[in-house]
Amino acid sequence: AIAVRGMTLAHHGYERPGDGWQTAS
């Protein structure tokens, strides 16, 4: 659940499938 800014979502991190590491965006 992420805040909406305009038509898209606010900046947030992401855990990549398959390796578990967080990315910055």
PDB file of all heavy atoms in Angstrom:
ATOM      1  N   ALA A   1       0.860  -1.188   0.000  1.00  0.00           N
ATOM      2  CA  ALA A   1       0.000   0.000   0.000  1.00  0.00           C
ATOM      3  C   ALA A   1       0.895   1.237   0.000  1.00  0.00           C
ATOM      4  O   ALA A   1       1.646   1.475   0.941  1.00  0.00           O
ATOM      5  CB  ALA A   1      -0.892  -0.006   1.229  1.00  0.00           C
ATOM      6  N   ILE A   2       0.813   2.023  -1.077  1.00  0.00           N
ATOM      7  CA  ILE A   2       1.705   3.169  -1.280  1.00  0.00           C
ATOM      8  C   ILE A   2       0.868   4.417  -1.573  1.00  0.00           C
ATOM      9  O   ILE A   2      -0.173   4.341  -2.244  1.00  0.00           O
ATOM     10  CB  ILE A   2       2.677   2.921  -2.456  1.00  0.00           C
ATOM     11  CG1 ILE A   2       3.477   1.628  -2.228  1.00  0.00           C
ATOM     12  CG2 ILE A   2       3.611   4.106  -2.661  1.00  0.00           C
ATOM     13  CD1 ILE A   2       4.404   1.654  -1.026  1.00  0.00           C
ATOM     14  N   ALA A   3       1.347   5.540  -1.113  1.00  0.00           N
ATOM     15  CA  ALA A   3       0.638   6.797  -1.370  1.00  0.00           C
ATOM     16  C   ALA A   3       0.651   7.128  -2.857  1.00  0.00           C
ATOM     17  O   ALA A   3       1.633   6.894  -3.562  1.00  0.00           O
ATOM     18  CB  ALA A   3       1.296   7.929  -0.582  1.00  0.00           C
ATOM     19  N   VAL A   4      -0.465   7.675  -3.329  1.00  0.00           N
ATOM     20  CA  VAL A   4      -0.595   8.071  -4.733  1.00  0.00           C
ATOM     21  C   VAL A   4      -0.205   9.537  -4.884  1.00  0.00           C
ATOM     22  O   VAL A   4      -0.627  10.391  -4.098  1.00  0.00           O
ATOM     23  CB  VAL A   4      -2.038   7.861  -5.237  1.00  0.00           C
ATOM     24  CG1 VAL A   4      -2.196   8.376  -6.661  1.00  0.00           C
ATOM     25  CG2 VAL A   4      -2.408   6.386  -5.149  1.00  0.00           C
ATOM     26  N   ARG A   5       0.627   9.778  -5.906  1.00  0.00           N
ATOM     27  CA  ARG A   5       0.994  11.153  -6.236  1.00  0.00           C
ATOM     28  C   ARG A   5       0.643  11.377  -7.697  1.00  0.00           C
ATOM     29  O   ARG A   5       1.283  10.825  -8.589  1.00  0.00           O
ATOM     30  CB  ARG A   5       2.486  11.398  -6.005  1.00  0.00           C
ATOM     31  CG  ARG A   5       2.870  11.386  -4.540  1.00  0.00           C
ATOM     32  CD  ARG A   5       4.336  11.688  -4.346  1.00  0.00           C
ATOM     33  NE  ARG A   5       4.691  11.713  -2.928  1.00  0.00           N
ATOM     34  CZ  ARG A   5       5.934  11.857  -2.475  1.00  0.00           C
ATOM     35  NH1 ARG A   5       6.935  11.977  -3.343  1.00  0.00           N
ATOM     36  NH2 ARG A   5       6.173  11.875  -1.177  1.00  0.00           N
ATOM     37  N   GLY A   6      -0.368  12.166  -7.931  1.00  0.00           N
ATOM     38  CA  GLY A   6      -0.824  12.367  -9.309  1.00  0.00           C
ATOM     39  C   GLY A   6      -1.494  11.108  -9.806  1.00  0.00           C
ATOM     40  O   GLY A   6      -2.412  10.569  -9.188  1.00  0.00           O
ATOM     41  N   MET A   7      -0.989  10.571 -10.933  1.00  0.00           N
ATOM     42  CA  MET A   7      -1.572   9.367 -11.517  1.00  0.00           C
ATOM     43  C   MET A   7      -0.799   8.108 -11.136  1.00  0.00           C
ATOM     44  O   MET A   7      -1.231   7.001 -11.409  1.00  0.00           O
ATOM     45  CB  MET A   7      -1.605   9.505 -13.048  1.00  0.00           C
ATOM     46  CG  MET A   7      -2.516  10.608 -13.544  1.00  0.00           C
ATOM     47  SD  MET A   7      -4.257  10.278 -13.147  1.00  0.00           S
ATOM     48  CE  MET A   7      -4.570   8.876 -14.209  1.00  0.00           C
ATOM     49  N   THR A   8       0.404   8.288 -10.524  1.00  0.00           N
ATOM     50  CA  THR A   8       1.228   7.129 -10.180  1.00  0.00           C
ATOM     51  C   THR A   8       1.517   7.114  -8.668  1.00  0.00           C
ATOM     52  O   THR A   8       0.947   7.889  -7.916  1.00  0.00           O
ATOM     53  CB  THR A   8       2.553   7.154 -10.974  1.00  0.00           C
ATOM     54  OG1 THR A   8       3.227   8.391 -10.724  1.00  0.00           O
ATOM     55  CG2 THR A   8       2.282   7.025 -12.472  1.00  0.00           C
ATOM     56  N   LEU A   9       2.418   6.222  -8.271  1.00  0.00           N
ATOM     57  CA  LEU A   9       2.687   6.003  -6.855  1.00  0.00           C
ATOM     58  C   LEU A   9       3.947   6.721  -6.383  1.00  0.00           C
ATOM     59  O   LEU A   9       4.854   6.988  -7.176  1.00  0.00           O
ATOM     60  CB  LEU A   9       2.843   4.496  -6.599  1.00  0.00           C
ATOM     61  CG  LEU A   9       1.591   3.672  -6.929  1.00  0.00           C
ATOM     62  CD1 LEU A   9       1.958   2.210  -7.101  1.00  0.00           C
ATOM     63  CD2 LEU A   9       0.555   3.822  -5.836  1.00  0.00           C
ATOM     64  N   ALA A  10       3.980   7.000  -5.093  1.00  0.00           N
ATOM     65  CA  ALA A  10       5.153   7.646  -4.509  1.00  0.00           C
ATOM     66  C   ALA A  10       6.348   6.704  -4.568  1.00  0.00           C
ATOM     67  O   ALA A  10       6.212   5.474  -4.617  1.00  0.00           O
ATOM     68  CB  ALA A  10       4.859   8.031  -3.058  1.00  0.00           C
ATOM     69  N   HIS A  11       7.543   7.294  -4.558  1.00  0.00           N
ATOM     70  CA  HIS A  11       8.785   6.526  -4.620  1.00  0.00           C
ATOM     71  C   HIS A  11       8.881   5.569  -3.425  1.00  0.00           C
ATOM     72  O   HIS A  11       8.627   5.947  -2.293  1.00  0.00           O
ATOM     73  CB  HIS A  11       9.968   7.502  -4.592  1.00  0.00           C
ATOM     74  CG  HIS A  11      11.285   6.831  -4.802  1.00  0.00           C
ATOM     75  ND1 HIS A  11      11.853   6.659  -6.036  1.00  0.00           N
ATOM     76  CD2 HIS A  11      12.147   6.278  -3.909  1.00  0.00           C
ATOM     77  CE1 HIS A  11      13.008   6.043  -5.903  1.00  0.00           C
ATOM     78  NE2 HIS A  11      13.208   5.807  -4.626  1.00  0.00           N
ATOM     79  N   HIS A  12       9.268   4.311  -3.693  1.00  0.00           N
ATOM     80  CA  HIS A  12       9.458   3.341  -2.625  1.00  0.00           C
ATOM     81  C   HIS A  12      10.382   2.235  -3.103  1.00  0.00           C
ATOM     82  O   HIS A  12      10.624   2.071  -4.290  1.00  0.00           O
ATOM     83  CB  HIS A  12       8.111   2.747  -2.181  1.00  0.00           C
ATOM     84  CG  HIS A  12       7.357   2.066  -3.278  1.00  0.00           C
ATOM     85  ND1 HIS A  12       6.657   2.757  -4.257  1.00  0.00           N
ATOM     86  CD2 HIS A  12       7.174   0.755  -3.550  1.00  0.00           C
ATOM     87  CE1 HIS A  12       6.086   1.906  -5.086  1.00  0.00           C
ATOM     88  NE2 HIS A  12       6.385   0.679  -4.681  1.00  0.00           N
ATOM     89  N   GLY A  13      10.948   1.465  -2.149  1.00  0.00           N
ATOM     90  CA  GLY A  13      11.885   0.401  -2.487  1.00  0.00           C
ATOM     91  C   GLY A  13      11.178  -0.850  -2.960  1.00  0.00           C
ATOM     92  O   GLY A  13       9.957  -0.961  -2.923  1.00  0.00           O
ATOM     93  N   TYR A  14      11.978  -1.825  -3.392  1.00  0.00           N
ATOM     94  CA  TYR A  14      11.419  -3.048  -3.966  1.00  0.00           C
ATOM     95  C   TYR A  14      12.353  -4.216  -3.679  1.00  0.00           C
ATOM     96  O   TYR A  14      13.572  -4.085  -3.784  1.00  0.00           O
ATOM     97  CB  TYR A  14      11.277  -2.882  -5.482  1.00  0.00           C
ATOM     98  CG  TYR A  14      10.769  -4.118  -6.204  1.00  0.00           C
ATOM     99  CD1 TYR A  14       9.465  -4.552  -6.024  1.00  0.00           C
ATOM    100  CD2 TYR A  14      11.596  -4.834  -7.057  1.00  0.00           C
ATOM    101  CE1 TYR A  14       8.994  -5.672  -6.682  1.00  0.00           C
ATOM    102  CE2 TYR A  14      11.132  -5.963  -7.727  1.00  0.00           C
ATOM    103  CZ  TYR A  14       9.828  -6.369  -7.542  1.00  0.00           C
ATOM    104  OH  TYR A  14       9.363  -7.481  -8.187  1.00  0.00           O
ATOM    105  N   GLU A  15      11.783  -5.361  -3.283  1.00  0.00           N
ATOM    106  CA  GLU A  15      12.577  -6.559  -3.070  1.00  0.00           C
ATOM    107  C   GLU A  15      12.529  -7.404  -4.324  1.00  0.00           C
ATOM    108  O   GLU A  15      11.483  -7.900  -4.724  1.00  0.00           O
ATOM    109  CB  GLU A  15      12.047  -7.356  -1.877  1.00  0.00           C
ATOM    110  CG  GLU A  15      12.959  -8.495  -1.479  1.00  0.00           C
ATOM    111  CD  GLU A  15      12.558  -9.104  -0.158  1.00  0.00           C
ATOM    112  OE1 GLU A  15      12.808  -8.489   0.890  1.00  0.00           O
ATOM    113  OE2 GLU A  15      11.986 -10.206  -0.187  1.00  0.00           O
ATOM    114  N   ARG A  16      13.690  -7.571  -4.959  1.00  0.00           N
ATOM    115  CA  ARG A  16      13.737  -8.244  -6.248  1.00  0.00           C
ATOM    116  C   ARG A  16      13.395  -9.723  -6.126  1.00  0.00           C
ATOM    117  O   ARG A  16      13.920 -10.397  -5.246  1.00  0.00           O
ATOM    118  CB  ARG A  16      15.136  -8.099  -6.865  1.00  0.00           C
ATOM    119  CG  ARG A  16      15.542  -6.686  -7.164  1.00  0.00           C
ATOM    120  CD  ARG A  16      16.738  -6.647  -8.095  1.00  0.00           C
ATOM    121  NE  ARG A  16      17.892  -7.284  -7.516  1.00  0.00           N
ATOM    122  CZ  ARG A  16      18.865  -6.632  -6.887  1.00  0.00           C
ATOM    123  NH1 ARG A  16      18.780  -5.328  -6.712  1.00  0.00           N
ATOM    124  NH2 ARG A  16      19.906  -7.267  -6.400  1.00  0.00           N
ATOM    125  N   PRO A  17      12.565 -10.255  -7.026  1.00  0.00           N
ATOM    126  CA  PRO A  17      12.255 -11.689  -6.989  1.00  0.00           C
ATOM    127  C   PRO A  17      13.522 -12.501  -7.218  1.00  0.00           C
ATOM    128  O   PRO A  17      14.330 -12.178  -8.070  1.00  0.00           O
ATOM    129  CB  PRO A  17      11.274 -11.878  -8.154  1.00  0.00           C
ATOM    130  CG  PRO A  17      10.723 -10.520  -8.411  1.00  0.00           C
ATOM    131  CD  PRO A  17      11.822  -9.556  -8.076  1.00  0.00           C
ATOM    132  N   GLY A  18      13.695 -13.562  -6.435  1.00  0.00           N
ATOM    133  CA  GLY A  18      14.782 -14.484  -6.696  1.00  0.00           C
ATOM    134  C   GLY A  18      16.034 -14.238  -5.904  1.00  0.00           C
ATOM    135  O   GLY A  18      16.890 -15.099  -5.822  1.00  0.00           O
ATOM    136  N   ASP A  19      16.229 -13.050  -5.309  1.00  0.00           N
ATOM    137  CA  ASP A  19      17.447 -12.864  -4.538  1.00  0.00           C
ATOM    138  C   ASP A  19      17.223 -12.162  -3.211  1.00  0.00           C
ATOM    139  O   ASP A  19      18.073 -12.168  -2.347  1.00  0.00           O
ATOM    140  CB  ASP A  19      18.517 -12.107  -5.335  1.00  0.00           C
ATOM    141  CG  ASP A  19      18.055 -10.768  -5.858  1.00  0.00           C
ATOM    142  OD1 ASP A  19      17.135 -10.185  -5.255  1.00  0.00           O
ATOM    143  OD2 ASP A  19      18.619 -10.292  -6.843  1.00  0.00           O
ATOM    144  N   GLY A  20      16.052 -11.542  -3.029  1.00  0.00           N
ATOM    145  CA  GLY A  20      15.710 -11.020  -1.724  1.00  0.00           C
ATOM    146  C   GLY A  20      16.301  -9.674  -1.354  1.00  0.00           C
ATOM    147  O   GLY A  20      16.011  -9.161  -0.287  1.00  0.00           O
ATOM    148  N   TRP A  21      17.129  -9.082  -2.235  1.00  0.00           N
ATOM    149  CA  TRP A  21      17.752  -7.812  -1.891  1.00  0.00           C
ATOM    150  C   TRP A  21      16.857  -6.637  -2.242  1.00  0.00           C
ATOM    151  O   TRP A  21      16.177  -6.631  -3.253  1.00  0.00           O
ATOM    152  CB  TRP A  21      19.094  -7.652  -2.603  1.00  0.00           C
ATOM    153  CG  TRP A  21      20.143  -8.545  -2.059  1.00  0.00           C
ATOM    154  CD1 TRP A  21      20.704  -9.627  -2.675  1.00  0.00           C
ATOM    155  CD2 TRP A  21      20.767  -8.468  -0.781  1.00  0.00           C
ATOM    156  NE1 TRP A  21      21.619 -10.225  -1.862  1.00  0.00           N
ATOM    157  CE2 TRP A  21      21.690  -9.531  -0.692  1.00  0.00           C
ATOM    158  CE3 TRP A  21      20.630  -7.603   0.307  1.00  0.00           C
ATOM    159  CZ2 TRP A  21      22.468  -9.749   0.431  1.00  0.00           C
ATOM    160  CZ3 TRP A  21      21.410  -7.822   1.425  1.00  0.00           C
ATOM    161  CH2 TRP A  21      22.322  -8.880   1.472  1.00  0.00           C
ATOM    162  N   GLN A  22      16.898  -5.640  -1.390  1.00  0.00           N
ATOM    163  CA  GLN A  22      16.116  -4.428  -1.623  1.00  0.00           C
ATOM    164  C   GLN A  22      16.815  -3.527  -2.639  1.00  0.00           C
ATOM    165  O   GLN A  22      18.014  -3.338  -2.593  1.00  0.00           O
ATOM    166  CB  GLN A  22      15.956  -3.651  -0.312  1.00  0.00           C
ATOM    167  CG  GLN A  22      14.942  -4.239   0.644  1.00  0.00           C
ATOM    168  CD  GLN A  22      13.526  -3.946   0.234  1.00  0.00           C
ATOM    169  OE1 GLN A  22      12.682  -4.813   0.283  1.00  0.00           O
ATOM    170  NE2 GLN A  22      13.246  -2.746  -0.170  1.00  0.00           N
ATOM    171  N   THR A  23      16.055  -2.966  -3.550  1.00  0.00           N
ATOM    172  CA  THR A  23      16.579  -1.950  -4.452  1.00  0.00           C
ATOM    173  C   THR A  23      16.065  -0.603  -3.973  1.00  0.00           C
ATOM    174  O   THR A  23      15.128  -0.518  -3.192  1.00  0.00           O
ATOM    175  CB  THR A  23      16.106  -2.177  -5.902  1.00  0.00           C
ATOM    176  OG1 THR A  23      14.685  -2.006  -5.958  1.00  0.00           O
ATOM    177  CG2 THR A  23      16.450  -3.572  -6.381  1.00  0.00           C
ATOM    178  N   ALA A  24      16.697   0.451  -4.458  1.00  0.00           N
ATOM    179  CA  ALA A  24      16.325   1.788  -4.007  1.00  0.00           C
ATOM    180  C   ALA A  24      14.976   2.212  -4.553  1.00  0.00           C
ATOM    181  O   ALA A  24      14.299   3.046  -3.965  1.00  0.00           O
ATOM    182  CB  ALA A  24      17.399   2.788  -4.423  1.00  0.00           C
ATOM    183  N   SER A  25      14.589   1.662  -5.693  1.00  0.00           N
ATOM    184  CA  SER A  25      13.364   2.125  -6.330  1.00  0.00           C
ATOM    185  C   SER A  25      12.566   0.968  -6.908  1.00  0.00           C
ATOM    186  O   SER A  25      13.103   0.132  -7.628  1.00  0.00           O
ATOM    187  CB  SER A  25      13.710   3.120  -7.446  1.00  0.00           C
ATOM    188  OG  SER A  25      12.539   3.581  -8.077  1.00  0.00           O
TER     189      SER A  25
END
